[in-house]
Amino acid sequence: MRVTGPRITRQLHVTRSVLSARRHRPFARVARRALGVAPIAAVLLVVAARRPDAPASRPPNELGRIPILEYHLIGDSDTRWTVSRDHFRRDLAMLYDRGYRPITVAQLVAGQIDLPAGLSPVVVTFDDASPSQFRYLDHDGTLVVDPGSALGIWLDFHARHPDWANRADFCVLPAAAAGHAFFGDRGIDGQLSAWRFRKLQYLAQLGFELCDHTLWHANLGKYSDAVVQEQIARGALAIDSAVPGYPVRTFALPLGVWPKRRELASAGVWRDPRTGREVRYAFDAILEVAGGPARSPHDPAFDPHRLPRVEVFGNALEHTLDALDEPGQRYVSAGPRAISRSPGAERATDDGTGR
């Protein structure tokens, strides 16, 4: 039986972004600047004027901050919740040129940041599982990834830059409305329901991490403990149904709202009333929606169950990277090494998902 739920609600996170950013100086300036979106042409001039530093010129700083970027829709033009395709392509090129390479949340929490000396990690997350992130095109019975979807753009960039690995987090919804059900269903945006599981399997095979985002994007602060656990457990269960045995290690809070009992975001259990089956979940990491770049996993104050993110819209990414370039702010790798700092570290493998 297909589960349906309310349409995804979009609540403006600007106030939360600004307030959270105050905890992470100099990143308080970043959220405020992002509210006044500069014309793209001006942004391009700034980026063009900045010459990327050679990795060898960056001294190691493995206690520096790491940006966890948050994308929603990829579309024709920039809006509060949409990044245009050309903008997304520029973002990938800018990150690459400025010495960033992608890792997953699982790798971050495990401290598995095995980058060449002088490079820096970045975590890219995609929330809500819309067709704009992963769309199939049917070419006479052969399914191909739409080159204009986020995944298509990413794979094209990876093909031209092999050291830009297939490492990102897709925080998925299995039963939301408006096509936000494992990247599209019921013909919405040309996507068939039969393709949903295949899409998750393909992402896992490529090395991307699958992240729980509840069943249909519920505002967990509004519901009882029982509903909270059902929403989270059924989200994880749906991922397991698509990719049997997949260890779901990361959870992204819808709207950045914590449940009344915060501990239920980390671990809980739901019993299926029809079968009596118990579904338990326990996450190594929890993603918030804002707050600026995250602490290094080697920082004693690092808290994997409260990871801040940078919402990408307007010129927020440019300002964030500029702030990270201030002395002592940016995580810079000292070189590859085997690090194990978290309970889940021993499970993290070379595929980047910890599977």
Protein backbone atom coordinates (compact mmCIF):
# COMPACT_ATOMS: atom_id res chain seq x y z
CA MET A 1 0.00 0.00 0.00
CA ARG A 2 1.43 3.35 -0.99
CA VAL A 3 1.62 5.83 1.85
CA THR A 4 0.62 9.40 1.16
CA GLY A 5 1.14 12.47 3.25
CA PRO A 6 0.72 16.21 3.25
CA ARG A 7 2.47 18.33 0.66
CA ILE A 8 5.95 19.37 1.68
CA THR A 9 5.79 22.67 3.50
CA ARG A 10 8.42 25.29 2.81
CA GLN A 11 9.15 27.53 5.76
CA LEU A 12 11.68 30.27 5.35
CA HIS A 13 14.83 29.45 7.32
CA VAL A 14 16.43 32.87 6.99
CA THR A 15 15.88 33.90 10.62
CA ARG A 16 17.19 30.59 11.87
CA SER A 17 20.17 30.86 9.52
CA VAL A 18 21.12 34.29 10.85
CA LEU A 19 20.66 33.38 14.51
CA SER A 20 22.53 30.10 14.15
CA ALA A 21 25.36 31.74 12.24
CA ARG A 22 26.09 34.01 15.19
CA ARG A 23 27.51 30.99 16.99
CA HIS A 24 30.11 30.53 14.25
CA ARG A 25 32.08 33.72 13.72
CA PRO A 26 33.17 34.91 11.19
CA PHE A 27 30.25 33.11 9.53
CA ALA A 28 27.64 35.42 11.07
CA ARG A 29 28.45 37.81 8.23
CA VAL A 30 27.79 35.09 5.67
CA ALA A 31 24.11 34.59 6.49
CA ARG A 32 23.46 38.32 6.55
CA ARG A 33 25.15 38.86 3.19
CA ALA A 34 23.22 35.97 1.64
CA LEU A 35 19.94 37.76 2.33
CA GLY A 36 20.88 40.47 -0.17
CA VAL A 37 21.47 38.36 -3.27
CA ALA A 38 24.02 39.95 -5.57
CA PRO A 39 23.52 39.70 -9.33
CA ILE A 40 25.11 36.58 -10.76
CA ALA A 41 27.30 38.69 -13.04
CA ALA A 42 28.86 40.41 -10.05
CA VAL A 43 29.45 37.07 -8.37
CA LEU A 44 31.20 35.77 -11.45
CA LEU A 45 33.51 38.78 -11.54
CA VAL A 46 34.49 38.16 -7.93
CA VAL A 47 35.13 34.48 -8.57
CA ALA A 48 37.08 35.22 -11.74
CA ALA A 49 39.25 37.74 -9.91
CA ARG A 50 40.15 35.18 -7.24
CA ARG A 51 43.04 32.96 -8.29
CA PRO A 52 42.86 29.52 -6.67
CA ASP A 53 45.76 28.84 -4.35
CA ALA A 54 47.87 25.80 -5.11
CA PRO A 55 47.22 23.02 -2.57
CA ALA A 56 50.89 23.00 -1.59
CA SER A 57 50.60 26.62 -0.48
CA ARG A 58 47.96 25.84 2.15
CA PRO A 59 49.39 24.81 5.51
CA PRO A 60 47.66 21.86 7.18
CA ASN A 61 44.85 22.71 9.57
CA GLU A 62 42.89 19.61 10.55
CA LEU A 63 41.01 21.46 13.27
CA GLY A 64 39.48 23.88 10.76
CA ARG A 65 35.84 24.10 9.69
CA ILE A 66 34.18 21.95 7.02
CA PRO A 67 31.22 23.23 4.96
CA ILE A 68 28.18 20.95 4.72
CA LEU A 69 26.18 22.37 1.82
CA GLU A 70 22.41 22.01 1.50
CA TYR A 71 20.69 22.01 -1.88
CA HIS A 72 17.00 21.57 -2.60
CA LEU A 73 15.74 22.08 -6.17
CA ILE A 74 17.83 22.36 -9.34
CA GLY A 75 15.96 24.25 -12.04
CA ASP A 76 15.84 26.88 -14.73
CA SER A 77 16.46 29.93 -12.54
CA ASP A 78 17.56 30.90 -9.05
CA THR A 79 14.94 31.31 -6.31
CA ARG A 80 15.00 30.92 -2.53
CA TRP A 81 14.70 27.13 -2.85
CA THR A 82 16.03 26.59 -6.38
CA VAL A 83 19.57 26.78 -7.71
CA SER A 84 19.73 27.08 -11.46
CA ARG A 85 21.57 24.42 -13.45
CA ASP A 86 24.24 26.87 -14.57
CA HIS A 87 24.61 28.09 -10.99
CA PHE A 88 25.08 24.52 -9.77
CA ARG A 89 27.69 23.87 -12.46
CA ARG A 90 29.55 27.01 -11.36
CA ASP A 91 29.35 25.90 -7.73
CA LEU A 92 31.04 22.59 -8.52
CA ALA A 93 33.73 24.31 -10.57
CA MET A 94 34.31 26.93 -7.87
CA LEU A 95 34.63 24.33 -5.12
CA TYR A 96 37.05 22.31 -7.22
CA ASP A 97 39.18 25.29 -8.21
CA ARG A 98 39.38 26.49 -4.62
CA GLY A 99 40.75 23.15 -3.46
CA TYR A 100 37.68 21.34 -2.10
CA ARG A 101 36.89 17.67 -2.68
CA PRO A 102 33.67 15.89 -1.67
CA ILE A 103 33.18 13.40 1.15
CA THR A 104 30.01 11.95 2.65
CA VAL A 105 28.58 12.58 6.11
CA ALA A 106 29.54 9.01 7.02
CA GLN A 107 33.16 9.73 6.11
CA LEU A 108 33.08 13.00 8.04
CA VAL A 109 31.77 11.40 11.21
CA ALA A 110 34.27 8.55 10.90
CA GLY A 111 37.11 11.04 10.50
CA GLN A 112 37.89 9.38 7.18
CA ILE A 113 39.14 12.46 5.34
CA ASP A 114 41.82 10.89 3.19
CA LEU A 115 42.62 13.79 0.90
CA PRO A 116 45.99 14.84 -0.55
CA ALA A 117 47.84 17.44 1.46
CA GLY A 118 46.56 20.97 0.93
CA LEU A 119 43.04 20.00 -0.13
CA SER A 120 39.88 20.51 1.95
CA PRO A 121 36.74 18.41 2.40
CA VAL A 122 33.24 19.55 1.52
CA VAL A 123 30.01 17.66 2.18
CA VAL A 124 27.21 18.20 -0.36
CA THR A 125 23.67 17.26 0.68
CA PHE A 126 20.50 17.19 -1.39
CA ASP A 127 17.23 17.36 0.54
CA ASP A 128 13.71 16.14 -0.35
CA ALA A 129 14.32 13.70 -3.24
CA SER A 130 12.78 15.77 -6.04
CA PRO A 131 12.97 14.76 -9.71
CA SER A 132 15.18 17.81 -10.27
CA GLN A 133 17.90 16.02 -8.31
CA PHE A 134 17.64 12.68 -10.14
CA ARG A 135 15.54 12.38 -13.25
CA TYR A 136 15.46 9.53 -15.74
CA LEU A 137 14.86 9.99 -19.45
CA ASP A 138 13.39 7.06 -21.39
CA HIS A 139 15.18 6.70 -24.72
CA ASP A 140 13.32 3.93 -26.55
CA GLY A 141 13.19 1.72 -23.47
CA THR A 142 16.65 2.63 -22.17
CA LEU A 143 16.76 4.77 -19.04
CA VAL A 144 19.47 7.42 -18.89
CA VAL A 145 20.16 10.05 -16.25
CA ASP A 146 18.90 13.46 -17.33
CA PRO A 147 22.05 15.56 -17.88
CA GLY A 148 20.14 18.58 -16.56
CA SER A 149 19.35 16.99 -13.19
CA ALA A 150 21.66 17.47 -10.21
CA LEU A 151 22.97 13.93 -10.58
CA GLY A 152 23.52 14.36 -14.32
CA ILE A 153 25.47 17.58 -13.77
CA TRP A 154 27.50 15.94 -10.99
CA LEU A 155 28.36 12.87 -13.10
CA ASP A 156 29.41 15.05 -16.03
CA PHE A 157 31.71 17.04 -13.74
CA HIS A 158 33.11 13.80 -12.29
CA ALA A 159 33.83 12.50 -15.80
CA ARG A 160 35.91 15.61 -16.53
CA HIS A 161 37.49 15.72 -13.05
CA PRO A 162 37.98 12.12 -11.84
CA ASP A 163 39.29 13.28 -8.46
CA TRP A 164 35.87 14.88 -7.81
CA ALA A 165 34.48 11.64 -6.39
CA ASN A 166 30.87 10.46 -6.31
CA ARG A 167 30.51 11.40 -2.66
CA ALA A 168 27.42 13.31 -1.54
CA ASP A 169 24.34 12.70 0.61
CA PHE A 170 20.82 12.37 -0.76
CA CYS A 171 18.37 12.91 2.11
CA VAL A 172 15.32 11.19 0.73
CA LEU A 173 11.56 11.11 1.24
CA PRO A 174 9.70 7.94 0.20
CA ALA A 175 6.08 9.16 0.38
CA ALA A 176 5.79 12.91 0.05
CA ALA A 177 3.54 14.72 -2.41
CA ALA A 178 4.37 16.69 -5.58
CA GLY A 179 6.83 14.07 -6.83
CA HIS A 180 9.02 14.10 -3.73
CA ALA A 181 8.89 10.33 -3.38
CA PHE A 182 12.30 8.83 -4.14
CA PHE A 183 12.83 11.35 -6.97
CA GLY A 184 9.44 11.20 -8.64
CA ASP A 185 6.37 9.02 -9.00
CA ARG A 186 2.98 8.73 -10.73
CA GLY A 187 4.26 10.36 -13.89
CA ILE A 188 5.10 13.66 -12.21
CA ASP A 189 7.81 15.38 -14.22
CA GLY A 190 7.85 12.29 -16.45
CA GLN A 191 8.96 9.99 -13.64
CA LEU A 192 7.36 6.59 -13.09
CA SER A 193 6.79 5.02 -9.68
CA ALA A 194 8.47 1.85 -10.91
CA TRP A 195 11.78 3.69 -11.22
CA ARG A 196 12.03 4.80 -7.59
CA PHE A 197 13.86 1.82 -6.09
CA ARG A 198 16.13 1.60 -9.11
CA LYS A 199 17.23 5.19 -8.50
CA LEU A 200 18.24 4.52 -4.89
CA GLN A 201 20.08 1.40 -5.89
CA TYR A 202 21.99 3.30 -8.55
CA LEU A 203 23.00 6.06 -6.13
CA ALA A 204 24.28 3.49 -3.62
CA GLN A 205 26.21 1.67 -6.34
CA LEU A 206 27.91 4.89 -7.41
CA GLY A 207 29.11 5.58 -3.86
CA PHE A 208 26.66 8.26 -2.72
CA GLU A 209 25.18 8.08 0.79
CA LEU A 210 21.43 7.67 1.36
CA CYS A 211 20.11 9.73 4.25
CA ASP A 212 16.76 9.49 6.08
CA HIS A 213 14.57 12.61 5.95
CA THR A 214 11.32 11.11 7.39
CA LEU A 215 8.39 9.61 5.51
CA TRP A 216 6.85 12.80 4.07
CA HIS A 217 8.83 15.74 5.49
CA ALA A 218 6.95 15.98 8.77
CA ASN A 219 7.53 18.92 11.12
CA LEU A 220 8.60 16.72 14.02
CA GLY A 221 8.06 19.44 16.60
CA LYS A 222 4.29 19.23 16.04
CA TYR A 223 3.79 15.51 16.63
CA SER A 224 3.67 12.97 19.44
CA ASP A 225 6.60 10.71 20.28
CA ALA A 226 4.83 7.84 18.54
CA VAL A 227 4.35 9.73 15.28
CA VAL A 228 7.93 11.04 15.38
CA GLN A 229 9.29 7.51 15.64
CA GLU A 230 6.96 6.25 12.92
CA GLN A 231 8.02 9.01 10.53
CA ILE A 232 11.72 8.36 11.04
CA ALA A 233 11.55 4.56 11.20
CA ARG A 234 9.41 4.25 8.08
CA GLY A 235 11.79 6.53 6.21
CA ALA A 236 14.69 4.23 7.07
CA LEU A 237 12.58 1.15 6.34
CA ALA A 238 11.76 2.46 2.86
CA ILE A 239 15.46 2.90 2.09
CA ASP A 240 16.09 -0.66 3.26
CA SER A 241 13.25 -1.89 1.03
CA ALA A 242 14.94 -0.29 -1.98
CA VAL A 243 18.50 -1.30 -1.03
CA PRO A 244 18.25 -4.34 1.28
CA GLY A 245 20.68 -4.25 4.18
CA TYR A 246 21.70 -0.64 3.56
CA PRO A 247 22.94 0.91 6.84
CA VAL A 248 21.20 4.28 7.17
CA ARG A 249 23.57 6.31 9.33
CA THR A 250 22.47 9.89 8.75
CA PHE A 251 19.21 11.71 9.47
CA ALA A 252 18.29 15.21 8.27
CA LEU A 253 15.75 17.15 10.34
CA PRO A 254 12.85 18.37 8.16
CA LEU A 255 12.72 22.17 8.38
CA GLY A 256 15.50 21.91 10.97
CA VAL A 257 12.88 21.28 13.67
CA TRP A 258 13.72 18.92 16.52
CA PRO A 259 11.09 16.67 18.07
CA LYS A 260 9.89 17.54 21.57
CA ARG A 261 12.13 14.76 22.88
CA ARG A 262 15.34 15.50 20.99
CA GLU A 263 16.79 12.06 21.66
CA LEU A 264 14.14 10.52 19.39
CA ALA A 265 15.89 12.11 16.41
CA SER A 266 18.91 9.93 17.17
CA ALA A 267 17.31 6.61 18.07
CA GLY A 268 13.89 5.08 18.44
CA VAL A 269 11.56 2.25 17.51
CA TRP A 270 8.24 1.88 15.68
CA ARG A 271 5.99 -1.16 15.75
CA ASP A 272 3.96 -1.88 12.61
CA PRO A 273 0.38 -2.25 13.86
CA ARG A 274 -0.50 -4.65 11.04
CA THR A 275 2.37 -7.11 11.42
CA GLY A 276 3.76 -6.39 14.88
CA ARG A 277 7.22 -5.97 13.36
CA GLU A 278 9.54 -3.61 15.21
CA VAL A 279 11.68 -1.22 13.18
CA ARG A 280 14.53 0.35 15.13
CA TYR A 281 16.77 3.19 14.03
CA ALA A 282 19.99 4.65 15.45
CA PHE A 283 21.95 7.31 13.59
CA ASP A 284 25.61 8.28 13.70
CA ALA A 285 24.84 11.81 12.49
CA ILE A 286 22.01 14.35 12.48
CA LEU A 287 21.91 17.26 10.05
CA GLU A 288 20.42 20.62 10.97
CA VAL A 289 19.45 23.14 8.29
CA ALA A 290 21.75 26.07 9.08
CA GLY A 291 24.49 27.32 11.37
CA GLY A 292 27.54 27.69 9.15
CA PRO A 293 30.41 25.26 8.49
CA ALA A 294 30.82 22.30 10.84
CA ARG A 295 33.62 21.64 13.27
CA SER A 296 36.33 19.17 12.36
CA PRO A 297 35.79 15.61 13.60
CA HIS A 298 39.16 16.00 15.34
CA ASP A 299 37.88 18.96 17.35
CA PRO A 300 36.93 17.89 20.92
CA ALA A 301 33.74 19.98 20.57
CA PHE A 302 32.61 18.11 17.43
CA ASP A 303 29.05 16.83 17.87
CA PRO A 304 27.94 14.44 15.10
CA HIS A 305 24.36 14.58 16.35
CA ARG A 306 24.12 18.30 15.69
CA LEU A 307 25.82 19.06 12.40
CA PRO A 308 25.16 22.56 11.01
CA ARG A 309 24.81 23.18 7.30
CA VAL A 310 25.08 26.03 4.80
CA GLU A 311 21.90 26.58 2.78
CA VAL A 312 22.96 27.28 -0.80
CA PHE A 313 21.02 30.12 -2.40
CA GLY A 314 22.04 33.45 -3.85
CA ASN A 315 25.72 34.03 -3.11
CA ALA A 316 25.82 32.24 0.26
CA LEU A 317 28.39 29.72 -0.99
CA GLU A 318 30.79 32.39 -2.22
CA HIS A 319 30.62 34.25 1.09
CA THR A 320 31.08 31.02 3.05
CA LEU A 321 34.21 30.05 1.12
CA ASP A 322 35.60 33.57 1.51
CA ALA A 323 35.07 33.40 5.27
CA LEU A 324 36.75 29.99 5.40
CA ASP A 325 39.80 31.45 3.68
CA GLU A 326 40.44 33.70 6.66
CA PRO A 327 43.46 32.49 8.69
CA GLY A 328 42.82 29.40 10.78
CA GLN A 329 39.22 28.85 9.65
CA ARG A 330 39.41 26.23 6.91
CA TYR A 331 40.10 22.53 7.34
CA VAL A 332 43.17 21.69 5.26
CA SER A 333 44.36 18.10 4.96
CA ALA A 334 47.84 17.11 6.04
CA GLY A 335 47.64 14.11 3.71
CA PRO A 336 45.94 10.71 3.57
CA ARG A 337 45.87 8.67 6.75
CA ALA A 338 43.70 6.13 8.49
CA ILE A 339 41.66 7.82 11.22
CA SER A 340 39.09 6.23 13.51
CA ARG A 341 37.41 8.58 15.95
CA SER A 342 33.77 7.55 16.10
CA PRO A 343 31.84 4.38 16.98
CA GLY A 344 30.94 4.00 13.31
CA ALA A 345 34.45 4.59 12.00
CA GLU A 346 35.37 0.93 11.66
CA ARG A 347 32.41 0.50 9.32
CA ALA A 348 33.42 3.24 6.90
CA THR A 349 34.87 1.78 3.75
CA ASP A 350 36.28 3.03 0.48
CA ASP A 351 32.85 3.35 -1.13
CA GLY A 352 32.25 6.42 1.01
CA THR A 353 28.93 5.26 2.41
CA GLY A 354 30.22 3.02 5.15
CA ARG A 355 28.56 0.00 3.62
